[in-house]
PDB file of N, CA and C in Angstrom:
ATOM      1  N   MET A   1      -6.585 -20.295  19.166  1.00  0.00           N
ATOM      2  CA  MET A   1      -4.848 -19.686  17.918  1.00  0.00           C
ATOM      3  C   MET A   1      -4.587 -18.060  18.390  1.00  0.00           C
ATOM      4  N   ASP A   2      -3.438 -17.535  18.027  1.00  0.00           N
ATOM      5  CA  ASP A   2      -3.179 -16.801  18.960  1.00  0.00           C
ATOM      6  C   ASP A   2      -3.329 -15.525  17.792  1.00  0.00           C
ATOM      7  N   ASP A   3      -4.225 -14.614  18.324  1.00  0.00           N
ATOM      8  CA  ASP A   3      -4.581 -13.032  16.768  1.00  0.00           C
ATOM      9  C   ASP A   3      -4.135 -12.527  17.085  1.00  0.00           C
ATOM     10  N   GLU A   4      -2.490 -11.958  18.196  1.00  0.00           N
ATOM     11  CA  GLU A   4      -1.736 -10.936  18.130  1.00  0.00           C
ATOM     12  C   GLU A   4      -1.448 -10.316  16.872  1.00  0.00           C
ATOM     13  N   HIS A   5      -0.645 -11.293  16.319  1.00  0.00           N
ATOM     14  CA  HIS A   5      -0.531 -10.527  14.486  1.00  0.00           C
ATOM     15  C   HIS A   5      -2.006  -9.430  14.025  1.00  0.00           C
ATOM     16  N   CYS A   6      -2.713 -10.595  14.248  1.00  0.00           N
ATOM     17  CA  CYS A   6      -3.980  -9.825  13.301  1.00  0.00           C
ATOM     18  C   CYS A   6      -4.303  -8.303  14.585  1.00  0.00           C
ATOM     19  N   ARG A   7      -4.303  -8.908  16.095  1.00  0.00           N
ATOM     20  CA  ARG A   7      -4.515  -7.139  16.709  1.00  0.00           C
ATOM     21  C   ARG A   7      -3.907  -6.043  16.250  1.00  0.00           C
ATOM     22  N   GLN A   8      -2.419  -6.225  16.296  1.00  0.00           N
ATOM     23  CA  GLN A   8      -1.603  -5.642  15.439  1.00  0.00           C
ATOM     24  C   GLN A   8      -1.518  -4.424  14.550  1.00  0.00           C
ATOM     25  N   PHE A   9      -2.245  -5.503  13.330  1.00  0.00           N
ATOM     26  CA  PHE A   9      -2.642  -4.875  12.363  1.00  0.00           C
ATOM     27  C   PHE A   9      -3.868  -3.783  12.628  1.00  0.00           C
ATOM     28  N   PHE A  10      -4.664  -4.107  13.116  1.00  0.00           N
ATOM     29  CA  PHE A  10      -5.640  -2.213  13.454  1.00  0.00           C
ATOM     30  C   PHE A  10      -4.844  -1.400  14.745  1.00  0.00           C
ATOM     31  N   LEU A  11      -4.050  -2.110  15.490  1.00  0.00           N
ATOM     32  CA  LEU A  11      -4.002  -1.378  16.800  1.00  0.00           C
ATOM     33  C   LEU A  11      -2.469  -0.700  16.485  1.00  0.00           C
ATOM     34  N   GLU A  12      -1.383  -1.160  15.382  1.00  0.00           N
ATOM     35  CA  GLU A  12      -0.796  -0.343  15.008  1.00  0.00           C
ATOM     36  C   GLU A  12      -0.646  -0.184  13.212  1.00  0.00           C
ATOM     37  N   PRO A  13      -0.837   0.438  12.486  1.00  0.00           N
ATOM     38  CA  PRO A  13      -1.334   0.403  11.183  1.00  0.00           C
ATOM     39  C   PRO A  13      -0.013   1.191  10.245  1.00  0.00           C
ATOM     40  N   THR A  14       0.543   0.182   9.512  1.00  0.00           N
ATOM     41  CA  THR A  14       1.662   1.079   9.344  1.00  0.00           C
ATOM     42  C   THR A  14       1.371   1.505   7.483  1.00  0.00           C
ATOM     43  N   GLU A  15       0.404   1.495   6.880  1.00  0.00           N
ATOM     44  CA  GLU A  15      -0.293   2.245   5.366  1.00  0.00           C
ATOM     45  C   GLU A  15      -0.511   3.072   5.961  1.00  0.00           C
ATOM     46  N   ILE A  16      -0.420   4.075   4.756  1.00  0.00           N
ATOM     47  CA  ILE A  16      -0.593   5.768   5.067  1.00  0.00           C
ATOM     48  C   ILE A  16      -1.860   5.805   5.117  1.00  0.00           C
ATOM     49  N   ALA A  17      -3.335   5.358   4.768  1.00  0.00           N
ATOM     50  CA  ALA A  17      -4.724   5.584   4.133  1.00  0.00           C
ATOM     51  C   ALA A  17      -4.996   4.828   5.364  1.00  0.00           C
ATOM     52  N   HIS A  18      -4.077   3.403   5.889  1.00  0.00           N
ATOM     53  CA  HIS A  18      -5.053   2.823   6.846  1.00  0.00           C
ATOM     54  C   HIS A  18      -4.975   3.944   8.441  1.00  0.00           C
ATOM     55  N   ARG A  19      -3.564   4.235   8.368  1.00  0.00           N
ATOM     56  CA  ARG A  19      -3.328   4.630   9.587  1.00  0.00           C
ATOM     57  C   ARG A  19      -4.017   6.424   9.742  1.00  0.00           C
ATOM     58  N   LYS A  20      -4.670   6.930   8.968  1.00  0.00           N
ATOM     59  CA  LYS A  20      -5.589   8.106   8.356  1.00  0.00           C
ATOM     60  C   LYS A  20      -6.352   6.936   8.785  1.00  0.00           C
ATOM     61  N   TYR A  21      -7.832   6.296   8.458  1.00  0.00           N
ATOM     62  CA  TYR A  21      -8.596   5.291   8.856  1.00  0.00           C
ATOM     63  C   TYR A  21      -8.422   5.549  10.240  1.00  0.00           C
ATOM     64  N   GLU A  22      -7.457   4.638  10.622  1.00  0.00           N
ATOM     65  CA  GLU A  22      -8.285   4.286  12.222  1.00  0.00           C
ATOM     66  C   GLU A  22      -7.715   5.716  13.252  1.00  0.00           C
ATOM     67  N   ALA A  23      -6.540   6.660  12.570  1.00  0.00           N
ATOM     68  CA  ALA A  23      -7.033   8.214  13.501  1.00  0.00           C
ATOM     69  C   ALA A  23      -7.859   8.979  13.601  1.00  0.00           C
ATOM     70  N   LEU A  24      -8.715   8.436  12.317  1.00  0.00           N
ATOM     71  CA  LEU A  24     -10.295   9.650  12.084  1.00  0.00           C
ATOM     72  C   LEU A  24     -11.337   8.786  12.948  1.00  0.00           C
ATOM     73  N   ARG A  25     -11.117   8.042  12.395  1.00  0.00           N
ATOM     74  CA  ARG A  25     -11.974   6.745  13.421  1.00  0.00           C
ATOM     75  C   ARG A  25     -12.212   7.105  14.663  1.00  0.00           C
ATOM     76  N   ALA A  26     -10.512   6.796  15.497  1.00  0.00           N
ATOM     77  CA  ALA A  26     -10.529   6.647  17.041  1.00  0.00           C
ATOM     78  C   ALA A  26     -11.031   7.936  17.465  1.00  0.00           C
ATOM     79  N   PHE A  27     -11.189   9.678  16.579  1.00  0.00           N
ATOM     80  CA  PHE A  27     -10.755  10.776  16.830  1.00  0.00           C
ATOM     81  C   PHE A  27     -13.036  10.801  17.323  1.00  0.00           C
ATOM     82  N   PHE A  28     -13.343  10.539  15.491  1.00  0.00           N
ATOM     83  CA  PHE A  28     -15.105  10.845  15.853  1.00  0.00           C
ATOM     84  C   PHE A  28     -16.240   9.212  16.478  1.00  0.00           C
ATOM     85  N   VAL A  29     -15.050   8.377  16.189  1.00  0.00           N
ATOM     86  CA  VAL A  29     -15.932   7.374  16.963  1.00  0.00           C
ATOM     87  C   VAL A  29     -15.730   6.838  18.415  1.00  0.00           C
ATOM     88  N   ASP A  30     -14.448   7.106  18.445  1.00  0.00           N
ATOM     89  CA  ASP A  30     -13.723   6.452  20.152  1.00  0.00           C
ATOM     90  C   ASP A  30     -13.774   7.937  21.263  1.00  0.00           C
ATOM     91  N   GLY A  31     -13.432   9.156  20.640  1.00  0.00           N
ATOM     92  CA  GLY A  31     -14.303  10.369  21.069  1.00  0.00           C
ATOM     93  C   GLY A  31     -12.828  10.349  21.830  1.00  0.00           C
ATOM     94  N   ARG A  32     -11.227  10.066  21.454  1.00  0.00           N
ATOM     95  CA  ARG A  32     -10.484   9.931  22.105  1.00  0.00           C
ATOM     96  C   ARG A  32      -9.547  11.489  21.944  1.00  0.00           C
ATOM     97  N   PRO A  33      -9.181  11.721  22.584  1.00  0.00           N
ATOM     98  CA  PRO A  33      -8.445  12.854  22.705  1.00  0.00           C
ATOM     99  C   PRO A  33      -7.452  12.548  21.475  1.00  0.00           C
ATOM    100  N   LEU A  34      -7.009  14.075  20.549  1.00  0.00           N
ATOM    101  CA  LEU A  34      -6.084  14.073  19.246  1.00  0.00           C
ATOM    102  C   LEU A  34      -4.725  13.925  19.935  1.00  0.00           C
ATOM    103  N   GLN A  35      -4.209  14.432  20.882  1.00  0.00           N
ATOM    104  CA  GLN A  35      -2.792  14.245  21.480  1.00  0.00           C
ATOM    105  C   GLN A  35      -2.431  13.037  21.991  1.00  0.00           C
ATOM    106  N   GLU A  36      -3.407  12.206  22.505  1.00  0.00           N
ATOM    107  CA  GLU A  36      -3.741  11.006  22.176  1.00  0.00           C
ATOM    108  C   GLU A  36      -3.813   9.760  21.162  1.00  0.00           C
ATOM    109  N   ILE A  37      -4.487  10.391  19.543  1.00  0.00           N
ATOM    110  CA  ILE A  37      -4.313   9.918  18.922  1.00  0.00           C
ATOM    111  C   ILE A  37      -3.535   9.860  17.762  1.00  0.00           C
ATOM    112  N   ALA A  38      -2.885  10.974  18.203  1.00  0.00           N
ATOM    113  CA  ALA A  38      -1.067  11.664  17.333  1.00  0.00           C
ATOM    114  C   ALA A  38       0.182  10.938  17.634  1.00  0.00           C
ATOM    115  N   GLN A  39      -0.066  11.015  19.048  1.00  0.00           N
ATOM    116  CA  GLN A  39       1.015   9.838  20.087  1.00  0.00           C
ATOM    117  C   GLN A  39       0.916   8.088  18.927  1.00  0.00           C
ATOM    118  N   GLN A  40      -0.369   8.086  19.240  1.00  0.00           N
ATOM    119  CA  GLN A  40      -0.438   6.082  18.860  1.00  0.00           C
ATOM    120  C   GLN A  40      -0.221   5.900  17.349  1.00  0.00           C
ATOM    121  N   VAL A  41      -0.201   6.646  16.001  1.00  0.00           N
ATOM    122  CA  VAL A  41      -0.065   6.477  15.215  1.00  0.00           C
ATOM    123  C   VAL A  41       0.695   7.320  14.795  1.00  0.00           C
ATOM    124  N   GLY A  42       1.220   8.678  14.886  1.00  0.00           N
ATOM    125  CA  GLY A  42       3.014   8.807  14.676  1.00  0.00           C
ATOM    126  C   GLY A  42       2.809  10.315  14.138  1.00  0.00           C
ATOM    127  N   TYR A  43       1.456  11.051  14.154  1.00  0.00           N
ATOM    128  CA  TYR A  43       1.185  12.021  13.713  1.00  0.00           C
ATOM    129  C   TYR A  43       1.286  13.089  13.944  1.00  0.00           C
ATOM    130  N   GLN A  44       1.723  14.452  13.951  1.00  0.00           N
ATOM    131  CA  GLN A  44       1.814  15.487  14.646  1.00  0.00           C
ATOM    132  C   GLN A  44       0.623  15.847  15.217  1.00  0.00           C
ATOM    133  N   GLU A  45       0.253  16.130  16.624  1.00  0.00           N
ATOM    134  CA  GLU A  45      -1.365  16.832  16.802  1.00  0.00           C
ATOM    135  C   GLU A  45      -1.234  17.732  15.830  1.00  0.00           C
ATOM    136  N   SER A  46      -1.062  18.828  15.316  1.00  0.00           N
ATOM    137  CA  SER A  46      -1.095  19.818  14.056  1.00  0.00           C
ATOM    138  C   SER A  46      -1.517  18.963  13.113  1.00  0.00           C
ATOM    139  N   SER A  47      -1.074  18.533  12.643  1.00  0.00           N
ATOM    140  CA  SER A  47      -1.414  17.589  11.204  1.00  0.00           C
ATOM    141  C   SER A  47      -2.752  16.969  11.718  1.00  0.00           C
ATOM    142  N   LEU A  48      -2.674  16.010  12.530  1.00  0.00           N
ATOM    143  CA  LEU A  48      -4.085  15.643  12.859  1.00  0.00           C
ATOM    144  C   LEU A  48      -5.041  15.897  12.700  1.00  0.00           C
ATOM    145  N   ARG A  49      -5.027  17.582  13.314  1.00  0.00           N
ATOM    146  CA  ARG A  49      -5.865  18.486  13.730  1.00  0.00           C
ATOM    147  C   ARG A  49      -6.438  18.937  12.054  1.00  0.00           C
ATOM    148  N   SER A  50      -5.655  19.102  11.670  1.00  0.00           N
ATOM    149  CA  SER A  50      -5.762  19.197   9.765  1.00  0.00           C
ATOM    150  C   SER A  50      -6.351  18.654   9.205  1.00  0.00           C
ATOM    151  N   MET A  51      -6.275  17.190   9.822  1.00  0.00           N
ATOM    152  CA  MET A  51      -7.202  16.163   9.015  1.00  0.00           C
ATOM    153  C   MET A  51      -8.338  15.931   9.008  1.00  0.00           C
ATOM    154  N   VAL A  52      -9.212  16.309  10.464  1.00  0.00           N
ATOM    155  CA  VAL A  52     -10.380  16.177  10.979  1.00  0.00           C
ATOM    156  C   VAL A  52     -10.935  16.930  10.355  1.00  0.00           C
ATOM    157  N   TYR A  53     -10.430  18.665   9.937  1.00  0.00           N
ATOM    158  CA  TYR A  53     -10.894  19.165   9.322  1.00  0.00           C
ATOM    159  C   TYR A  53     -11.094  19.482   8.378  1.00  0.00           C
ATOM    160  N   ARG A  54     -10.179  18.760   7.589  1.00  0.00           N
ATOM    161  CA  ARG A  54     -10.427  18.052   6.403  1.00  0.00           C
ATOM    162  C   ARG A  54     -11.323  17.150   5.642  1.00  0.00           C
ATOM    163  N   PHE A  55     -11.150  16.692   6.826  1.00  0.00           N
ATOM    164  CA  PHE A  55     -12.457  15.632   6.845  1.00  0.00           C
ATOM    165  C   PHE A  55     -13.797  15.966   7.037  1.00  0.00           C
ATOM    166  N   ARG A  56     -13.812  16.449   7.964  1.00  0.00           N
ATOM    167  CA  ARG A  56     -15.321  17.221   7.944  1.00  0.00           C
ATOM    168  C   ARG A  56     -15.483  17.543   6.349  1.00  0.00           C
ATOM    169  N   ALA A  57     -15.229  18.466   6.188  1.00  0.00           N
ATOM    170  CA  ALA A  57     -14.906  19.511   4.781  1.00  0.00           C
ATOM    171  C   ALA A  57     -15.490  18.225   3.670  1.00  0.00           C
ATOM    172  N   GLN A  58     -14.642  16.731   4.043  1.00  0.00           N
ATOM    173  CA  GLN A  58     -15.310  16.547   2.862  1.00  0.00           C
ATOM    174  C   GLN A  58     -16.624  15.752   2.629  1.00  0.00           C
ATOM    175  N   MET A  59     -16.772  15.380   4.108  1.00  0.00           N
ATOM    176  CA  MET A  59     -18.573  14.936   4.756  1.00  0.00           C
ATOM    177  C   MET A  59     -19.225  15.788   4.426  1.00  0.00           C
ATOM    178  N   GLN A  60     -18.983  17.330   4.054  1.00  0.00           N
ATOM    179  CA  GLN A  60     -20.378  17.791   4.122  1.00  0.00           C
ATOM    180  C   GLN A  60     -20.233  18.136   2.167  1.00  0.00           C
ATOM    181  N   ASN A  61     -18.952  17.765   1.611  1.00  0.00           N
ATOM    182  CA  ASN A  61     -18.925  17.902   0.138  1.00  0.00           C
ATOM    183  C   ASN A  61     -19.332  16.137  -0.255  1.00  0.00           C
ATOM    184  N   ASN A  62     -19.898  15.582   0.574  1.00  0.00           N
ATOM    185  CA  ASN A  62     -20.420  13.962  -0.085  1.00  0.00           C
ATOM    186  C   ASN A  62     -19.149  13.503  -0.643  1.00  0.00           C
ATOM    187  N   ASP A  63     -17.446  13.609  -0.236  1.00  0.00           N
ATOM    188  CA  ASP A  63     -16.297  12.909  -0.944  1.00  0.00           C
ATOM    189  C   ASP A  63     -15.199  12.786  -0.205  1.00  0.00           C
ATOM    190  N   LEU A  64     -15.323  11.313   0.192  1.00  0.00           N
ATOM    191  CA  LEU A  64     -14.283  10.285   1.087  1.00  0.00           C
ATOM    192  C   LEU A  64     -13.682  10.160  -0.271  1.00  0.00           C
ATOM    193  N   ARG A  65     -13.024  10.380  -0.899  1.00  0.00           N
ATOM    194  CA  ARG A  65     -12.327   9.048  -1.865  1.00  0.00           C
ATOM    195  C   ARG A  65     -10.700   8.732  -0.745  1.00  0.00           C
ATOM    196  N   PRO A  66     -10.565   9.176  -0.015  1.00  0.00           N
ATOM    197  CA  PRO A  66      -9.845   8.480  -0.014  1.00  0.00           C
ATOM    198  C   PRO A  66      -9.510   7.259   0.962  1.00  0.00           C
ATOM    199  N   PHE A  67     -11.373   7.219   0.984  1.00  0.00           N
ATOM    200  CA  PHE A  67     -11.283   5.729   1.252  1.00  0.00           C
ATOM    201  C   PHE A  67     -12.280   5.100   0.356  1.00  0.00           C
ATOM    202  N   LEU A  68     -12.333   5.358  -0.585  1.00  0.00           N
ATOM    203  CA  LEU A  68     -12.535   4.512  -1.625  1.00  0.00           C
ATOM    204  C   LEU A  68     -14.441   4.321  -2.157  1.00  0.00           C
ATOM    205  N   PHE A  69     -15.228   4.756  -1.110  1.00  0.00           N
ATOM    206  CA  PHE A  69     -16.285   4.841  -1.715  1.00  0.00           C
ATOM    207  C   PHE A  69     -16.600   6.401  -1.491  1.00  0.00           C
ATOM    208  N   GLU A  70     -18.352   6.237  -1.848  1.00  0.00           N
ATOM    209  CA  GLU A  70     -19.394   7.691  -1.471  1.00  0.00           C
ATOM    210  C   GLU A  70     -20.630   7.012  -1.507  1.00  0.00           C
ATOM    211  N   ARG A  71     -20.844   7.569  -0.543  1.00  0.00           N
ATOM    212  CA  ARG A  71     -22.618   7.189   0.091  1.00  0.00           C
ATOM    213  C   ARG A  71     -23.570   8.525   0.272  1.00  0.00           C
ATOM    214  N   THR A  72     -24.761   7.882  -0.301  1.00  0.00           N
ATOM    215  CA  THR A  72     -26.090   9.022  -0.145  1.00  0.00           C
ATOM    216  C   THR A  72     -26.105   9.590   1.213  1.00  0.00           C
ATOM    217  N   LEU A  73     -27.071  10.612   1.306  1.00  0.00           N
ATOM    218  CA  LEU A  73     -27.078  11.839   2.266  1.00  0.00           C
ATOM    219  C   LEU A  73     -27.481  10.600   3.269  1.00  0.00           C
ATOM    220  N   ASP A  74     -28.856   9.448   2.450  1.00  0.00           N
ATOM    221  CA  ASP A  74     -29.509   8.557   3.669  1.00  0.00           C
ATOM    222  C   ASP A  74     -28.636   7.758   4.610  1.00  0.00           C
ATOM    223  N   GLY A  75     -27.436   6.655   3.721  1.00  0.00           N
ATOM    224  CA  GLY A  75     -26.626   6.292   4.031  1.00  0.00           C
ATOM    225  C   GLY A  75     -26.726   5.170   3.630  1.00  0.00           C
ATOM    226  N   LEU A  76     -27.898   4.723   2.463  1.00  0.00           N
ATOM    227  CA  LEU A  76     -28.506   3.297   2.728  1.00  0.00           C
ATOM    228  C   LEU A  76     -27.254   2.665   1.066  1.00  0.00           C
ATOM    229  N   GLN A  77     -27.108   3.626   0.354  1.00  0.00           N
ATOM    230  CA  GLN A  77     -26.688   3.953  -1.189  1.00  0.00           C
ATOM    231  C   GLN A  77     -24.964   4.000  -1.230  1.00  0.00           C
ATOM    232  N   ILE A  78     -24.137   3.114  -1.128  1.00  0.00           N
ATOM    233  CA  ILE A  78     -23.176   3.098  -1.080  1.00  0.00           C
ATOM    234  C   ILE A  78     -22.308   2.801  -2.474  1.00  0.00           C
ATOM    235  N   LYS A  79     -21.437   2.928  -3.079  1.00  0.00           N
ATOM    236  CA  LYS A  79     -20.831   2.836  -4.577  1.00  0.00           C
ATOM    237  C   LYS A  79     -19.235   3.072  -4.749  1.00  0.00           C
ATOM    238  N   LEU A  80     -18.402   2.522  -5.413  1.00  0.00           N
ATOM    239  CA  LEU A  80     -17.651   2.388  -5.338  1.00  0.00           C
ATOM    240  C   LEU A  80     -16.928   4.110  -5.942  1.00  0.00           C
ATOM    241  N   VAL A  81     -16.046   4.414  -6.076  1.00  0.00           N
ATOM    242  CA  VAL A  81     -15.341   5.597  -6.932  1.00  0.00           C
ATOM    243  C   VAL A  81     -13.960   5.648  -7.229  1.00  0.00           C
ATOM    244  N   PRO A  82     -13.912   5.856  -8.415  1.00  0.00           N
ATOM    245  CA  PRO A  82     -12.870   5.918  -9.362  1.00  0.00           C
ATOM    246  C   PRO A  82     -11.935   6.197  -8.519  1.00  0.00           C
ATOM    247  N   SER A  83     -10.793   6.231  -9.135  1.00  0.00           N
ATOM    248  CA  SER A  83      -9.556   7.970  -8.343  1.00  0.00           C
ATOM    249  C   SER A  83      -9.577   8.964  -9.606  1.00  0.00           C
ATOM    250  N   GLN A  84      -8.972   9.703  -9.273  1.00  0.00           N
ATOM    251  CA  GLN A  84      -8.977  10.823  -9.909  1.00  0.00           C
ATOM    252  C   GLN A  84      -8.583  10.780 -10.907  1.00  0.00           C
ATOM    253  N   ALA A  85      -7.845  10.022 -11.316  1.00  0.00           N
ATOM    254  CA  ALA A  85      -6.333   9.830 -12.036  1.00  0.00           C
ATOM    255  C   ALA A  85      -7.110   8.822 -13.041  1.00  0.00           C
ATOM    256  N   SER A  86      -8.079   8.360 -12.977  1.00  0.00           N
ATOM    257  CA  SER A  86      -8.978   7.024 -13.530  1.00  0.00           C
ATOM    258  C   SER A  86     -10.050   7.853 -14.323  1.00  0.00           C
ATOM    259  N   ARG A  87     -10.480   8.836 -13.465  1.00  0.00           N
ATOM    260  CA  ARG A  87     -11.518   9.542 -14.487  1.00  0.00           C
ATOM    261  C   ARG A  87     -11.219  10.391 -15.396  1.00  0.00           C
ATOM    262  N   ARG A  88      -9.463  10.806 -15.402  1.00  0.00           N
ATOM    263  CA  ARG A  88      -9.465  11.744 -16.089  1.00  0.00           C
ATOM    264  C   ARG A  88      -9.413  10.622 -17.776  1.00  0.00           C
ATOM    265  N   LYS A  89      -9.691  11.737 -18.825  1.00  0.00           N
ATOM    266  CA  LYS A  89      -9.707  11.116 -20.019  1.00  0.00           C
ATOM    267  C   LYS A  89      -8.303  11.101 -20.538  1.00  0.00           C
ATOM    268  N   ARG A  90      -7.565   9.777 -21.367  1.00  0.00           N
ATOM    269  CA  ARG A  90      -6.268   9.602 -22.042  1.00  0.00           C
ATOM    270  C   ARG A  90      -6.395  10.743 -22.965  1.00  0.00           C
ATOM    271  N   ARG A  91      -5.247  11.475 -23.113  1.00  0.00           N
ATOM    272  CA  ARG A  91      -5.042  11.489 -24.789  1.00  0.00           C
ATOM    273  C   ARG A  91      -4.587  10.469 -24.774  1.00  0.00           C
ATOM    274  N   ARG A  92      -4.678  10.391 -27.087  1.00  0.00           N
ATOM    275  CA  ARG A  92      -3.896   9.415 -27.458  1.00  0.00           C
ATOM    276  C   ARG A  92      -2.938  10.122 -28.072  1.00  0.00           C
ATOM    277  N   SER A  93      -1.631   9.676 -28.106  1.00  0.00           N
ATOM    278  CA  SER A  93      -0.628  10.087 -28.137  1.00  0.00           C
ATOM    279  C   SER A  93      -0.450  10.726 -29.838  1.00  0.00           C
ATOM    280  N   PRO A  94      -0.174  11.724 -30.173  1.00  0.00           N
ATOM    281  CA  PRO A  94       0.222  11.797 -32.075  1.00  0.00           C
ATOM    282  C   PRO A  94       1.191  10.970 -32.411  1.00  0.00           C
ATOM    283  N   THR A  95       1.519  10.464 -31.855  1.00  0.00           N
ATOM    284  CA  THR A  95       2.419   9.203 -33.063  1.00  0.00           C
ATOM    285  C   THR A  95       1.599   7.911 -32.839  1.00  0.00           C
ATOM    286  N   GLY A  96       0.134   8.079 -32.919  1.00  0.00           N
ATOM    287  CA  GLY A  96      -0.233   6.830 -33.006  1.00  0.00           C
ATOM    288  C   GLY A  96       0.143   5.361 -31.277  1.00  0.00           C
ATOM    289  N   GLU A  97       1.231   5.818 -30.688  1.00  0.00           N
ATOM    290  CA  GLU A  97       1.763   4.974 -29.560  1.00  0.00           C
ATOM    291  C   GLU A  97       1.273   4.668 -28.547  1.00  0.00           C
ATOM    292  N   ARG A  98       0.540   4.093 -28.082  1.00  0.00           N
ATOM    293  CA  ARG A  98       0.534   3.730 -25.973  1.00  0.00           C
ATOM    294  C   ARG A  98       1.073   4.455 -25.226  1.00  0.00           C
TER     295      ARG A  98
END
């Protein structure tokens, strides 16, 4: 079976969140240089540097919403985190319509 299409999904991500995930993973897990990663996933190196900085800050605050989960410091408990929009209370319309 030819898995080239499956390989391309990981090597050439097209969705924004996926590209961000793969870029951060390449930096933190694979230890690749920012310039190389930026070129591969189509970011400016300065944008990727900012992304790394923000991700580190999010990790310190245990705020991983872009990746849709949160984990405790011991790494054992993982739960889904609702998006910011779904956590807001919806105001009822003064006309009674939805």
